[in-house]
Amino acid sequence: MTTRTTETTLARADLLAGLEQEVGVMIRRIRRVIAERAHAVHPELQSSSYLMLSWLVRQGPQRASAMADAFSIDKGAISRQVQHLVDLGLVDRSPDPADGRATLVSVSADAAARMEAVAGERRRWLDDRLRDWTDADLEAIVALLGRYNAALD
């Protein structure tokens, strides 16, 4: 290996280490923020259930099997999460019109309103923190994070 190749390899390793560090900071921050948002929706809402509720808001009514696939967790864990959400009045269960034997889980009207309020507050907070970022900056980070996530799938 030439000196130039070694330097390039070391520089790339440093960049990858920097990426890992920044992603680690972002993950810790995201975990904290998710817990805060879950509490804002309902004082007893667990962070993992908040993520499932957020997914249901975007996806609409779903079967538990679709939820298990989306979250890569077993149906028993999904059942416990759904029951937690039902107990808090944040989701409803109804028969699946396509198959009466199956059940659909959907976001309750109250939960939808709470989630929208939290999302609005979240966007205002983020916009305030990123006030000096241009639209081009935001487009660039969205594109790069998209590429990053796609590369890791």
C-alpha atoms as a PDB file:
ATOM      1  CA  MET A   1       0.000   0.000   0.000  1.00  0.00           C
ATOM      2  CA  THR A   2       1.329   3.409  -0.898  1.00  0.00           C
ATOM      3  CA  THR A   3       1.605   6.253   1.587  1.00  0.00           C
ATOM      4  CA  ARG A   4      -1.124   8.164  -0.253  1.00  0.00           C
ATOM      5  CA  THR A   5      -3.470   5.162  -0.151  1.00  0.00           C
ATOM      6  CA  THR A   6      -2.778   4.689   3.559  1.00  0.00           C
ATOM      7  CA  GLU A   7      -3.480   8.374   4.247  1.00  0.00           C
ATOM      8  CA  THR A   8      -6.714   8.194   2.249  1.00  0.00           C
ATOM      9  CA  THR A   9      -7.784   5.056   4.118  1.00  0.00           C
ATOM     10  CA  LEU A  10      -7.024   6.664   7.491  1.00  0.00           C
ATOM     11  CA  ALA A  11      -8.847   9.858   6.530  1.00  0.00           C
ATOM     12  CA  ARG A  12     -11.913   7.835   5.493  1.00  0.00           C
ATOM     13  CA  ALA A  13     -11.736   5.850   8.739  1.00  0.00           C
ATOM     14  CA  ASP A  14     -11.688   9.139  10.668  1.00  0.00           C
ATOM     15  CA  LEU A  15     -14.704  10.362   8.696  1.00  0.00           C
ATOM     16  CA  LEU A  16     -16.594   7.128   9.375  1.00  0.00           C
ATOM     17  CA  ALA A  17     -15.724   7.373  13.076  1.00  0.00           C
ATOM     18  CA  GLY A  18     -17.017  10.950  13.060  1.00  0.00           C
ATOM     19  CA  LEU A  19     -20.217   9.779  11.366  1.00  0.00           C
ATOM     20  CA  GLU A  20     -20.681   7.068  14.002  1.00  0.00           C
ATOM     21  CA  GLN A  21     -20.163   9.613  16.763  1.00  0.00           C
ATOM     22  CA  GLU A  22     -22.669  12.107  15.334  1.00  0.00           C
ATOM     23  CA  VAL A  23     -25.243   9.377  14.679  1.00  0.00           C
ATOM     24  CA  GLY A  24     -24.770   8.215  18.276  1.00  0.00           C
ATOM     25  CA  VAL A  25     -25.459  11.739  19.546  1.00  0.00           C
ATOM     26  CA  MET A  26     -28.518  11.905  17.291  1.00  0.00           C
ATOM     27  CA  ILE A  27     -29.829   8.552  18.564  1.00  0.00           C
ATOM     28  CA  ARG A  28     -29.476   9.606  22.210  1.00  0.00           C
ATOM     29  CA  ARG A  29     -31.239  12.882  21.453  1.00  0.00           C
ATOM     30  CA  ILE A  30     -34.005  11.094  19.539  1.00  0.00           C
ATOM     31  CA  ARG A  31     -34.597   8.669  22.417  1.00  0.00           C
ATOM     32  CA  ARG A  32     -34.987  11.584  24.836  1.00  0.00           C
ATOM     33  CA  VAL A  33     -37.268  13.505  22.474  1.00  0.00           C
ATOM     34  CA  ILE A  34     -39.467  10.450  21.816  1.00  0.00           C
ATOM     35  CA  ALA A  35     -39.938   9.967  25.551  1.00  0.00           C
ATOM     36  CA  GLU A  36     -40.895  13.654  25.891  1.00  0.00           C
ATOM     37  CA  ARG A  37     -43.344  13.436  23.000  1.00  0.00           C
ATOM     38  CA  ALA A  38     -44.882  10.233  24.330  1.00  0.00           C
ATOM     39  CA  HIS A  39     -45.471  11.941  27.673  1.00  0.00           C
ATOM     40  CA  ALA A  40     -46.995  14.960  25.888  1.00  0.00           C
ATOM     41  CA  VAL A  41     -49.506  12.695  24.140  1.00  0.00           C
ATOM     42  CA  HIS A  42     -50.377  10.817  27.329  1.00  0.00           C
ATOM     43  CA  PRO A  43     -48.550  10.740  30.702  1.00  0.00           C
ATOM     44  CA  GLU A  44     -48.541   6.917  30.698  1.00  0.00           C
ATOM     45  CA  LEU A  45     -47.583   6.384  27.055  1.00  0.00           C
ATOM     46  CA  GLN A  46     -44.395   4.333  26.635  1.00  0.00           C
ATOM     47  CA  SER A  47     -41.811   5.446  24.070  1.00  0.00           C
ATOM     48  CA  SER A  48     -42.117   2.238  22.049  1.00  0.00           C
ATOM     49  CA  SER A  49     -45.896   2.607  21.973  1.00  0.00           C
ATOM     50  CA  TYR A  50     -45.497   6.221  20.829  1.00  0.00           C
ATOM     51  CA  LEU A  51     -43.485   5.011  17.835  1.00  0.00           C
ATOM     52  CA  MET A  52     -46.197   2.497  16.989  1.00  0.00           C
ATOM     53  CA  LEU A  53     -48.887   5.149  17.372  1.00  0.00           C
ATOM     54  CA  SER A  54     -46.928   7.499  15.084  1.00  0.00           C
ATOM     55  CA  TRP A  55     -46.675   4.731  12.507  1.00  0.00           C
ATOM     56  CA  LEU A  56     -50.433   4.092  12.704  1.00  0.00           C
ATOM     57  CA  VAL A  57     -51.112   7.808  12.191  1.00  0.00           C
ATOM     58  CA  ARG A  58     -49.149   7.658   8.906  1.00  0.00           C
ATOM     59  CA  GLN A  59     -50.299   4.219   7.728  1.00  0.00           C
ATOM     60  CA  GLY A  60     -53.946   4.205   8.777  1.00  0.00           C
ATOM     61  CA  PRO A  61     -55.752   1.151  10.193  1.00  0.00           C
ATOM     62  CA  GLN A  62     -53.584  -1.976  10.192  1.00  0.00           C
ATOM     63  CA  ARG A  63     -53.661  -5.615  11.201  1.00  0.00           C
ATOM     64  CA  ALA A  64     -51.381  -6.673  14.023  1.00  0.00           C
ATOM     65  CA  SER A  65     -49.481  -8.887  11.556  1.00  0.00           C
ATOM     66  CA  ALA A  66     -48.619  -5.846   9.401  1.00  0.00           C
ATOM     67  CA  MET A  67     -47.438  -4.040  12.519  1.00  0.00           C
ATOM     68  CA  ALA A  68     -45.261  -7.002  13.515  1.00  0.00           C
ATOM     69  CA  ASP A  69     -43.689  -6.981  10.039  1.00  0.00           C
ATOM     70  CA  ALA A  70     -43.137  -3.213  10.053  1.00  0.00           C
ATOM     71  CA  PHE A  71     -41.461  -3.242  13.475  1.00  0.00           C
ATOM     72  CA  SER A  72     -39.724  -6.630  13.099  1.00  0.00           C
ATOM     73  CA  ILE A  73     -41.095  -7.862  16.409  1.00  0.00           C
ATOM     74  CA  ASP A  74     -43.242 -10.861  17.279  1.00  0.00           C
ATOM     75  CA  LYS A  75     -47.023 -10.750  17.422  1.00  0.00           C
ATOM     76  CA  GLY A  76     -47.032 -11.210  21.205  1.00  0.00           C
ATOM     77  CA  ALA A  77     -45.070  -7.990  21.673  1.00  0.00           C
ATOM     78  CA  ILE A  78     -47.386  -6.213  19.226  1.00  0.00           C
ATOM     79  CA  SER A  79     -50.395  -7.511  21.142  1.00  0.00           C
ATOM     80  CA  ARG A  80     -49.023  -6.101  24.417  1.00  0.00           C
ATOM     81  CA  GLN A  81     -48.244  -2.736  22.786  1.00  0.00           C
ATOM     82  CA  VAL A  82     -51.693  -2.551  21.204  1.00  0.00           C
ATOM     83  CA  GLN A  83     -53.344  -3.432  24.517  1.00  0.00           C
ATOM     84  CA  HIS A  84     -51.347  -0.649  26.198  1.00  0.00           C
ATOM     85  CA  LEU A  85     -52.611   1.791  23.558  1.00  0.00           C
ATOM     86  CA  VAL A  86     -56.202   0.528  23.905  1.00  0.00           C
ATOM     87  CA  ASP A  87     -56.033   0.870  27.702  1.00  0.00           C
ATOM     88  CA  LEU A  88     -54.949   4.503  27.271  1.00  0.00           C
ATOM     89  CA  GLY A  89     -57.769   5.177  24.801  1.00  0.00           C
ATOM     90  CA  LEU A  90     -55.322   5.958  21.995  1.00  0.00           C
ATOM     91  CA  VAL A  91     -56.305   3.223  19.538  1.00  0.00           C
ATOM     92  CA  ASP A  92     -59.467   1.408  18.612  1.00  0.00           C
ATOM     93  CA  ARG A  93     -59.954  -2.149  17.392  1.00  0.00           C
ATOM     94  CA  SER A  94     -62.510  -3.008  14.742  1.00  0.00           C
ATOM     95  CA  PRO A  95     -63.298  -5.971  12.488  1.00  0.00           C
ATOM     96  CA  ASP A  96     -61.376  -5.972   9.209  1.00  0.00           C
ATOM     97  CA  PRO A  97     -63.970  -5.459   6.434  1.00  0.00           C
ATOM     98  CA  ALA A  98     -61.818  -7.586   4.104  1.00  0.00           C
ATOM     99  CA  ASP A  99     -61.769 -10.513   6.578  1.00  0.00           C
ATOM    100  CA  GLY A 100     -64.220 -10.557   9.478  1.00  0.00           C
ATOM    101  CA  ARG A 101     -61.954 -12.931  11.418  1.00  0.00           C
ATOM    102  CA  ALA A 102     -59.182 -10.320  11.527  1.00  0.00           C
ATOM    103  CA  THR A 103     -59.012  -7.087  13.514  1.00  0.00           C
ATOM    104  CA  LEU A 104     -57.794  -3.669  12.452  1.00  0.00           C
ATOM    105  CA  VAL A 105     -56.074  -1.313  14.845  1.00  0.00           C
ATOM    106  CA  SER A 106     -56.631   2.396  14.227  1.00  0.00           C
ATOM    107  CA  VAL A 107     -55.773   5.647  15.955  1.00  0.00           C
ATOM    108  CA  SER A 108     -58.612   7.047  18.062  1.00  0.00           C
ATOM    109  CA  ALA A 109     -59.905  10.533  17.270  1.00  0.00           C
ATOM    110  CA  ASP A 110     -58.511  11.802  20.586  1.00  0.00           C
ATOM    111  CA  ALA A 111     -55.073  10.332  19.863  1.00  0.00           C
ATOM    112  CA  ALA A 112     -55.053  11.784  16.339  1.00  0.00           C
ATOM    113  CA  ALA A 113     -55.725  15.251  17.747  1.00  0.00           C
ATOM    114  CA  ARG A 114     -53.041  14.831  20.423  1.00  0.00           C
ATOM    115  CA  MET A 115     -50.505  13.529  17.895  1.00  0.00           C
ATOM    116  CA  GLU A 116     -51.211  16.443  15.543  1.00  0.00           C
ATOM    117  CA  ALA A 117     -50.694  18.923  18.369  1.00  0.00           C
ATOM    118  CA  VAL A 118     -47.382  17.289  19.329  1.00  0.00           C
ATOM    119  CA  ALA A 119     -46.266  17.206  15.667  1.00  0.00           C
ATOM    120  CA  GLY A 120     -47.084  20.899  15.257  1.00  0.00           C
ATOM    121  CA  GLU A 121     -45.127  21.784  18.368  1.00  0.00           C
ATOM    122  CA  ARG A 122     -42.231  19.592  17.241  1.00  0.00           C
ATOM    123  CA  ARG A 123     -42.061  21.336  13.860  1.00  0.00           C
ATOM    124  CA  ARG A 124     -42.178  24.792  15.466  1.00  0.00           C
ATOM    125  CA  TRP A 125     -39.383  23.797  17.864  1.00  0.00           C
ATOM    126  CA  LEU A 126     -37.261  22.382  15.038  1.00  0.00           C
ATOM    127  CA  ASP A 127     -37.882  25.400  12.826  1.00  0.00           C
ATOM    128  CA  ASP A 128     -36.794  27.660  15.669  1.00  0.00           C
ATOM    129  CA  ARG A 129     -33.553  25.697  16.193  1.00  0.00           C
ATOM    130  CA  LEU A 130     -32.803  25.591  12.453  1.00  0.00           C
ATOM    131  CA  ARG A 131     -33.846  29.187  11.791  1.00  0.00           C
ATOM    132  CA  ASP A 132     -30.506  30.071  10.150  1.00  0.00           C
ATOM    133  CA  TRP A 133     -30.587  27.027   7.850  1.00  0.00           C
ATOM    134  CA  THR A 134     -31.665  27.766   4.295  1.00  0.00           C
ATOM    135  CA  ASP A 135     -34.208  25.659   2.459  1.00  0.00           C
ATOM    136  CA  ALA A 136     -31.284  24.341   0.408  1.00  0.00           C
ATOM    137  CA  ASP A 137     -29.543  23.239   3.641  1.00  0.00           C
ATOM    138  CA  LEU A 138     -32.685  21.401   4.733  1.00  0.00           C
ATOM    139  CA  GLU A 139     -33.106  19.781   1.312  1.00  0.00           C
ATOM    140  CA  ALA A 140     -29.474  18.648   1.405  1.00  0.00           C
ATOM    141  CA  ILE A 141     -29.691  17.051   4.851  1.00  0.00           C
ATOM    142  CA  VAL A 142     -32.990  15.345   4.010  1.00  0.00           C
ATOM    143  CA  ALA A 143     -31.426  13.929   0.829  1.00  0.00           C
ATOM    144  CA  LEU A 144     -28.237  12.821   2.597  1.00  0.00           C
ATOM    145  CA  LEU A 145     -30.108  11.200   5.480  1.00  0.00           C
ATOM    146  CA  GLY A 146     -32.309   9.459   2.919  1.00  0.00           C
ATOM    147  CA  ARG A 147     -29.233   8.124   1.132  1.00  0.00           C
ATOM    148  CA  TYR A 148     -27.685   7.092   4.446  1.00  0.00           C
ATOM    149  CA  ASN A 149     -30.813   5.208   5.527  1.00  0.00           C
ATOM    150  CA  ALA A 150     -31.212   3.560   2.122  1.00  0.00           C
ATOM    151  CA  ALA A 151     -27.571   2.428   2.149  1.00  0.00           C
ATOM    152  CA  LEU A 152     -28.039   0.765   5.531  1.00  0.00           C
ATOM    153  CA  ASP A 153     -31.225  -1.117   4.573  1.00  0.00           C
END
